Every structure is written in structure tokens, then in C-alpha cells.
Amino acid sequence: MRLSTRNQLTGTIADVDVGAVMAVVKIRLDGGDQVITSSVTRDAALDLDLKVGQPATVFIKSTEVTIGVE
């Protein structure tokens, strides 16, 4: 598979919480304790057959990243 997305992070699925409409997937990145959390549709999670312990790649393509602090 070839993609135009340049921000690609590899890791392992740490948790999959499938709800009625959406699924929340946590991926622990390789080489550390950082975790990326993604919300995907329930259908997408089921189609991909996401399982804890499965290797995965996170693709990030965004025109804006917002950070807030107090």
C-alpha cells in the first residue's frame, strides 16, 4: 500500500472499546510509553477486525493541531 500521508507511526493496539456507533482504539507506539487514541466508526473497527496485541500503523494527516494549557 502506498499513501501520501507522511506522518506514519507504528505500534501495537493496546485497547479497543467498541460502542454502539463509534470505537475508541488506543495504540501504544513502538519504542516508548506514548499512546495515540483514535475514534473510528464501529463498522470500520469491525471491518478491520482490530484486536489487542495486533501491530498497527497510525496515519496522521491534519491541517491543524490545537494545544491548550492553563
PDB file of N, CA and C in Angstrom:
ATOM      1  N   MET A   1       0.846  -1.170   0.000  1.00  0.00           N
ATOM      2  CA  MET A   1       0.000   0.000   0.000  1.00  0.00           C
ATOM      3  C   MET A   1       0.890   1.231   0.000  1.00  0.00           C
ATOM      4  N   ARG A   2       0.613   2.173  -0.892  1.00  0.00           N
ATOM      5  CA  ARG A   2       1.326   3.443  -0.932  1.00  0.00           C
ATOM      6  C   ARG A   2       0.345   4.541  -0.570  1.00  0.00           C
ATOM      7  N   LEU A   3       0.761   5.418   0.334  1.00  0.00           N
ATOM      8  CA  LEU A   3      -0.087   6.506   0.804  1.00  0.00           C
ATOM      9  C   LEU A   3       0.656   7.834   0.710  1.00  0.00           C
ATOM     10  N   SER A   4      -0.091   8.903   0.572  1.00  0.00           N
ATOM     11  CA  SER A   4       0.528  10.225   0.556  1.00  0.00           C
ATOM     12  C   SER A   4       0.778  10.747   1.966  1.00  0.00           C
ATOM     13  N   THR A   5       0.180  10.126   2.956  1.00  0.00           N
ATOM     14  CA  THR A   5       0.334  10.569   4.340  1.00  0.00           C
ATOM     15  C   THR A   5       1.760  10.305   4.808  1.00  0.00           C
ATOM     16  N   ARG A   6       2.445  11.350   5.241  1.00  0.00           N
ATOM     17  CA  ARG A   6       3.845  11.218   5.638  1.00  0.00           C
ATOM     18  C   ARG A   6       4.015  10.897   7.117  1.00  0.00           C
ATOM     19  N   ASN A   7       3.061  11.279   7.941  1.00  0.00           N
ATOM     20  CA  ASN A   7       3.163  11.030   9.377  1.00  0.00           C
ATOM     21  C   ASN A   7       2.617   9.634   9.684  1.00  0.00           C
ATOM     22  N   GLN A   8       3.523   8.667   9.731  1.00  0.00           N
ATOM     23  CA  GLN A   8       3.154   7.280   9.963  1.00  0.00           C
ATOM     24  C   GLN A   8       3.901   6.773  11.188  1.00  0.00           C
ATOM     25  N   LEU A   9       3.164   6.342  12.202  1.00  0.00           N
ATOM     26  CA  LEU A   9       3.741   5.880  13.460  1.00  0.00           C
ATOM     27  C   LEU A   9       3.331   4.435  13.689  1.00  0.00           C
ATOM     28  N   THR A  10       4.295   3.579  13.976  1.00  0.00           N
ATOM     29  CA  THR A  10       3.984   2.167  14.200  1.00  0.00           C
ATOM     30  C   THR A  10       3.839   1.871  15.686  1.00  0.00           C
ATOM     31  N   GLY A  11       3.032   0.873  15.974  1.00  0.00           N
ATOM     32  CA  GLY A  11       2.808   0.490  17.359  1.00  0.00           C
ATOM     33  C   GLY A  11       1.990  -0.774  17.452  1.00  0.00           C
ATOM     34  N   THR A  12       1.417  -0.973  18.636  1.00  0.00           N
ATOM     35  CA  THR A  12       0.617  -2.163  18.928  1.00  0.00           C
ATOM     36  C   THR A  12      -0.700  -1.725  19.548  1.00  0.00           C
ATOM     37  N   ILE A  13      -1.789  -2.331  19.117  1.00  0.00           N
ATOM     38  CA  ILE A  13      -3.092  -1.991  19.675  1.00  0.00           C
ATOM     39  C   ILE A  13      -3.124  -2.392  21.144  1.00  0.00           C
ATOM     40  N   ALA A  14      -3.407  -1.410  22.007  1.00  0.00           N
ATOM     41  CA  ALA A  14      -3.428  -1.631  23.450  1.00  0.00           C
ATOM     42  C   ALA A  14      -4.850  -1.803  23.984  1.00  0.00           C
ATOM     43  N   ASP A  15      -5.838  -1.221  23.291  1.00  0.00           N
ATOM     44  CA  ASP A  15      -7.221  -1.321  23.760  1.00  0.00           C
ATOM     45  C   ASP A  15      -8.159  -1.001  22.614  1.00  0.00           C
ATOM     46  N   VAL A  16      -9.276  -1.719  22.573  1.00  0.00           N
ATOM     47  CA  VAL A  16     -10.331  -1.448  21.597  1.00  0.00           C
ATOM     48  C   VAL A  16     -11.643  -1.462  22.359  1.00  0.00           C
ATOM     49  N   ASP A  17     -12.335  -0.333  22.356  1.00  0.00           N
ATOM     50  CA  ASP A  17     -13.625  -0.214  23.042  1.00  0.00           C
ATOM     51  C   ASP A  17     -14.683   0.093  21.988  1.00  0.00           C
ATOM     52  N   VAL A  18     -15.425  -0.943  21.596  1.00  0.00           N
ATOM     53  CA  VAL A  18     -16.420  -0.800  20.539  1.00  0.00           C
ATOM     54  C   VAL A  18     -17.769  -0.469  21.160  1.00  0.00           C
ATOM     55  N   GLY A  19     -18.314   0.673  20.772  1.00  0.00           N
ATOM     56  CA  GLY A  19     -19.621   1.102  21.262  1.00  0.00           C
ATOM     57  C   GLY A  19     -20.691   0.863  20.216  1.00  0.00           C
ATOM     58  N   ALA A  20     -21.846   1.463  20.421  1.00  0.00           N
ATOM     59  CA  ALA A  20     -22.980   1.278  19.523  1.00  0.00           C
ATOM     60  C   ALA A  20     -22.740   1.910  18.147  1.00  0.00           C
ATOM     61  N   VAL A  21     -22.004   3.027  18.112  1.00  0.00           N
ATOM     62  CA  VAL A  21     -21.779   3.743  16.854  1.00  0.00           C
ATOM     63  C   VAL A  21     -20.293   3.917  16.558  1.00  0.00           C
ATOM     64  N   MET A  22     -19.509   4.219  17.593  1.00  0.00           N
ATOM     65  CA  MET A  22     -18.082   4.502  17.433  1.00  0.00           C
ATOM     66  C   MET A  22     -17.246   3.502  18.216  1.00  0.00           C
ATOM     67  N   ALA A  23     -15.971   3.438  17.860  1.00  0.00           N
ATOM     68  CA  ALA A  23     -14.997   2.637  18.607  1.00  0.00           C
ATOM     69  C   ALA A  23     -13.824   3.540  18.963  1.00  0.00           C
ATOM     70  N   VAL A  24     -13.291   3.363  20.163  1.00  0.00           N
ATOM     71  CA  VAL A  24     -12.109   4.093  20.600  1.00  0.00           C
ATOM     72  C   VAL A  24     -10.963   3.088  20.628  1.00  0.00           C
ATOM     73  N   VAL A  25      -9.899   3.406  19.893  1.00  0.00           N
ATOM     74  CA  VAL A  25      -8.764   2.499  19.753  1.00  0.00           C
ATOM     75  C   VAL A  25      -7.530   3.193  20.303  1.00  0.00           C
ATOM     76  N   LYS A  26      -6.808   2.510  21.204  1.00  0.00           N
ATOM     77  CA  LYS A  26      -5.566   3.040  21.761  1.00  0.00           C
ATOM     78  C   LYS A  26      -4.414   2.213  21.208  1.00  0.00           C
ATOM     79  N   ILE A  27      -3.414   2.919  20.682  1.00  0.00           N
ATOM     80  CA  ILE A  27      -2.237   2.260  20.114  1.00  0.00           C
ATOM     81  C   ILE A  27      -0.998   2.759  20.838  1.00  0.00           C
ATOM     82  N   ARG A  28      -0.268   1.815  21.452  1.00  0.00           N
ATOM     83  CA  ARG A  28       0.986   2.140  22.128  1.00  0.00           C
ATOM     84  C   ARG A  28       2.077   2.167  21.063  1.00  0.00           C
ATOM     85  N   LEU A  29       2.735   3.325  20.941  1.00  0.00           N
ATOM     86  CA  LEU A  29       3.749   3.498  19.908  1.00  0.00           C
ATOM     87  C   LEU A  29       5.012   2.713  20.230  1.00  0.00           C
ATOM     88  N   ASP A  30       5.654   2.236  19.195  1.00  0.00           N
ATOM     89  CA  ASP A  30       6.915   1.499  19.350  1.00  0.00           C
ATOM     90  C   ASP A  30       7.964   2.384  20.006  1.00  0.00           C
ATOM     91  N   GLY A  31       8.762   1.799  20.875  1.00  0.00           N
ATOM     92  CA  GLY A  31       9.897   2.488  21.463  1.00  0.00           C
ATOM     93  C   GLY A  31       9.590   3.346  22.673  1.00  0.00           C
ATOM     94  N   GLY A  32       8.429   3.191  23.274  1.00  0.00           N
ATOM     95  CA  GLY A  32       8.137   4.016  24.439  1.00  0.00           C
ATOM     96  C   GLY A  32       6.759   3.762  25.013  1.00  0.00           C
ATOM     97  N   ASP A  33       6.355   4.664  25.885  1.00  0.00           N
ATOM     98  CA  ASP A  33       5.068   4.531  26.556  1.00  0.00           C
ATOM     99  C   ASP A  33       4.005   5.471  25.998  1.00  0.00           C
ATOM    100  N   GLN A  34       4.265   6.098  24.874  1.00  0.00           N
ATOM    101  CA  GLN A  34       3.293   7.020  24.293  1.00  0.00           C
ATOM    102  C   GLN A  34       2.135   6.247  23.665  1.00  0.00           C
ATOM    103  N   VAL A  35       0.924   6.762  23.882  1.00  0.00           N
ATOM    104  CA  VAL A  35      -0.277   6.125  23.353  1.00  0.00           C
ATOM    105  C   VAL A  35      -1.042   7.138  22.512  1.00  0.00           C
ATOM    106  N   ILE A  36      -1.444   6.719  21.331  1.00  0.00           N
ATOM    107  CA  ILE A  36      -2.301   7.517  20.457  1.00  0.00           C
ATOM    108  C   ILE A  36      -3.707   6.940  20.564  1.00  0.00           C
ATOM    109  N   THR A  37      -4.694   7.811  20.746  1.00  0.00           N
ATOM    110  CA  THR A  37      -6.086   7.381  20.815  1.00  0.00           C
ATOM    111  C   THR A  37      -6.809   7.877  19.575  1.00  0.00           C
ATOM    112  N   SER A  38      -7.540   6.969  18.936  1.00  0.00           N
ATOM    113  CA  SER A  38      -8.291   7.314  17.730  1.00  0.00           C
ATOM    114  C   SER A  38      -9.736   6.866  17.877  1.00  0.00           C
ATOM    115  N   SER A  39     -10.646   7.703  17.412  1.00  0.00           N
ATOM    116  CA  SER A  39     -12.054   7.327  17.333  1.00  0.00           C
ATOM    117  C   SER A  39     -12.362   6.990  15.886  1.00  0.00           C
ATOM    118  N   VAL A  40     -12.893   5.804  15.674  1.00  0.00           N
ATOM    119  CA  VAL A  40     -13.280   5.356  14.335  1.00  0.00           C
ATOM    120  C   VAL A  40     -14.710   4.834  14.418  1.00  0.00           C
ATOM    121  N   THR A  41     -15.342   4.662  13.291  1.00  0.00           N
ATOM    122  CA  THR A  41     -16.691   4.111  13.328  1.00  0.00           C
ATOM    123  C   THR A  41     -16.650   2.665  13.791  1.00  0.00           C
ATOM    124  N   ARG A  42     -17.749   2.226  14.368  1.00  0.00           N
ATOM    125  CA  ARG A  42     -17.873   0.827  14.790  1.00  0.00           C
ATOM    126  C   ARG A  42     -17.657  -0.099  13.588  1.00  0.00           C
ATOM    127  N   ASP A  43     -18.275   0.265  12.454  1.00  0.00           N
ATOM    128  CA  ASP A  43     -18.137  -0.557  11.252  1.00  0.00           C
ATOM    129  C   ASP A  43     -16.680  -0.689  10.819  1.00  0.00           C
ATOM    130  N   ALA A  44     -15.922   0.409  10.884  1.00  0.00           N
ATOM    131  CA  ALA A  44     -14.507   0.364  10.500  1.00  0.00           C
ATOM    132  C   ALA A  44     -13.723  -0.562  11.423  1.00  0.00           C
ATOM    133  N   ALA A  45     -13.975  -0.452  12.731  1.00  0.00           N
ATOM    134  CA  ALA A  45     -13.263  -1.306  13.698  1.00  0.00           C
ATOM    135  C   ALA A  45     -13.573  -2.782  13.456  1.00  0.00           C
ATOM    136  N   LEU A  46     -14.828  -3.081  13.163  1.00  0.00           N
ATOM    137  CA  LEU A  46     -15.217  -4.474  12.908  1.00  0.00           C
ATOM    138  C   LEU A  46     -14.666  -4.954  11.567  1.00  0.00           C
ATOM    139  N   ASP A  47     -14.705  -4.103  10.539  1.00  0.00           N
ATOM    140  CA  ASP A  47     -14.164  -4.479   9.227  1.00  0.00           C
ATOM    141  C   ASP A  47     -12.670  -4.765   9.300  1.00  0.00           C
ATOM    142  N   LEU A  48     -11.948  -3.963  10.115  1.00  0.00           N
ATOM    143  CA  LEU A  48     -10.507  -4.164  10.267  1.00  0.00           C
ATOM    144  C   LEU A  48     -10.178  -5.300  11.230  1.00  0.00           C
ATOM    145  N   ASP A  49     -11.194  -5.787  11.959  1.00  0.00           N
ATOM    146  CA  ASP A  49     -11.025  -6.866  12.940  1.00  0.00           C
ATOM    147  C   ASP A  49      -9.912  -6.521  13.936  1.00  0.00           C
ATOM    148  N   LEU A  50     -10.003  -5.305  14.507  1.00  0.00           N
ATOM    149  CA  LEU A  50      -8.977  -4.823  15.419  1.00  0.00           C
ATOM    150  C   LEU A  50      -8.942  -5.643  16.696  1.00  0.00           C
ATOM    151  N   LYS A  51      -7.739  -6.050  17.108  1.00  0.00           N
ATOM    152  CA  LYS A  51      -7.545  -6.875  18.295  1.00  0.00           C
ATOM    153  C   LYS A  51      -6.391  -6.329  19.130  1.00  0.00           C
ATOM    154  N   VAL A  52      -6.525  -6.408  20.441  1.00  0.00           N
ATOM    155  CA  VAL A  52      -5.439  -6.032  21.352  1.00  0.00           C
ATOM    156  C   VAL A  52      -4.227  -6.913  21.043  1.00  0.00           C
ATOM    157  N   GLY A  53      -3.049  -6.281  20.977  1.00  0.00           N
ATOM    158  CA  GLY A  53      -1.808  -7.006  20.693  1.00  0.00           C
ATOM    159  C   GLY A  53      -1.437  -7.020  19.219  1.00  0.00           C
ATOM    160  N   GLN A  54      -2.341  -6.582  18.375  1.00  0.00           N
ATOM    161  CA  GLN A  54      -2.110  -6.577  16.934  1.00  0.00           C
ATOM    162  C   GLN A  54      -1.233  -5.388  16.542  1.00  0.00           C
ATOM    163  N   PRO A  55      -0.212  -5.611  15.701  1.00  0.00           N
ATOM    164  CA  PRO A  55       0.582  -4.486  15.199  1.00  0.00           C
ATOM    165  C   PRO A  55      -0.296  -3.583  14.337  1.00  0.00           C
ATOM    166  N   ALA A  56      -0.047  -2.287  14.403  1.00  0.00           N
ATOM    167  CA  ALA A  56      -0.835  -1.337  13.617  1.00  0.00           C
ATOM    168  C   ALA A  56       0.008  -0.113  13.293  1.00  0.00           C
ATOM    169  N   THR A  57      -0.395   0.598  12.266  1.00  0.00           N
ATOM    170  CA  THR A  57       0.243   1.854  11.897  1.00  0.00           C
ATOM    171  C   THR A  57      -0.785   2.971  12.029  1.00  0.00           C
ATOM    172  N   VAL A  58      -0.379   4.056  12.673  1.00  0.00           N
ATOM    173  CA  VAL A  58      -1.220   5.239  12.817  1.00  0.00           C
ATOM    174  C   VAL A  58      -0.824   6.208  11.710  1.00  0.00           C
ATOM    175  N   PHE A  59      -1.809   6.659  10.938  1.00  0.00           N
ATOM    176  CA  PHE A  59      -1.570   7.628   9.878  1.00  0.00           C
ATOM    177  C   PHE A  59      -2.201   8.941  10.318  1.00  0.00           C
ATOM    178  N   ILE A  60      -1.399  10.017  10.344  1.00  0.00           N
ATOM    179  CA  ILE A  60      -1.895  11.305  10.811  1.00  0.00           C
ATOM    180  C   ILE A  60      -1.774  12.313   9.675  1.00  0.00           C
ATOM    181  N   LYS A  61      -2.917  12.844   9.284  1.00  0.00           N
ATOM    182  CA  LYS A  61      -2.926  13.898   8.278  1.00  0.00           C
ATOM    183  C   LYS A  61      -3.884  14.961   8.776  1.00  0.00           C
ATOM    184  N   SER A  62      -3.357  16.114   9.101  1.00  0.00           N
ATOM    185  CA  SER A  62      -4.174  17.162   9.674  1.00  0.00           C
ATOM    186  C   SER A  62      -3.688  18.516   9.221  1.00  0.00           C
ATOM    187  N   THR A  63      -4.617  19.404   9.013  1.00  0.00           N
ATOM    188  CA  THR A  63      -4.237  20.769   8.658  1.00  0.00           C
ATOM    189  C   THR A  63      -4.103  21.641   9.887  1.00  0.00           C
ATOM    190  N   GLU A  64      -4.545  21.117  11.058  1.00  0.00           N
ATOM    191  CA  GLU A  64      -4.476  21.911  12.281  1.00  0.00           C
ATOM    192  C   GLU A  64      -4.322  21.002  13.487  1.00  0.00           C
ATOM    193  N   VAL A  65      -3.430  21.370  14.375  1.00  0.00           N
ATOM    194  CA  VAL A  65      -3.282  20.692  15.660  1.00  0.00           C
ATOM    195  C   VAL A  65      -3.415  21.761  16.725  1.00  0.00           C
ATOM    196  N   THR A  66      -4.323  21.560  17.676  1.00  0.00           N
ATOM    197  CA  THR A  66      -4.564  22.544  18.723  1.00  0.00           C
ATOM    198  C   THR A  66      -4.087  22.016  20.063  1.00  0.00           C
ATOM    199  N   ILE A  67      -3.394  22.853  20.821  1.00  0.00           N
ATOM    200  CA  ILE A  67      -2.916  22.510  22.159  1.00  0.00           C
ATOM    201  C   ILE A  67      -3.375  23.611  23.094  1.00  0.00           C
ATOM    202  N   GLY A  68      -3.912  23.222  24.252  1.00  0.00           N
ATOM    203  CA  GLY A  68      -4.333  24.209  25.230  1.00  0.00           C
ATOM    204  C   GLY A  68      -3.731  23.918  26.590  1.00  0.00           C
ATOM    205  N   VAL A  69      -3.320  24.941  27.283  1.00  0.00           N
ATOM    206  CA  VAL A  69      -2.786  24.816  28.636  1.00  0.00           C
ATOM    207  C   VAL A  69      -3.343  25.944  29.495  1.00  0.00           C
ATOM    208  N   GLU A  70      -3.296  25.758  30.799  1.00  0.00           N
ATOM    209  CA  GLU A  70      -3.738  26.814  31.737  1.00  0.00           C
ATOM    210  C   GLU A  70      -2.551  27.346  32.488  1.00  0.00           C
TER     211      GLU A  70
END
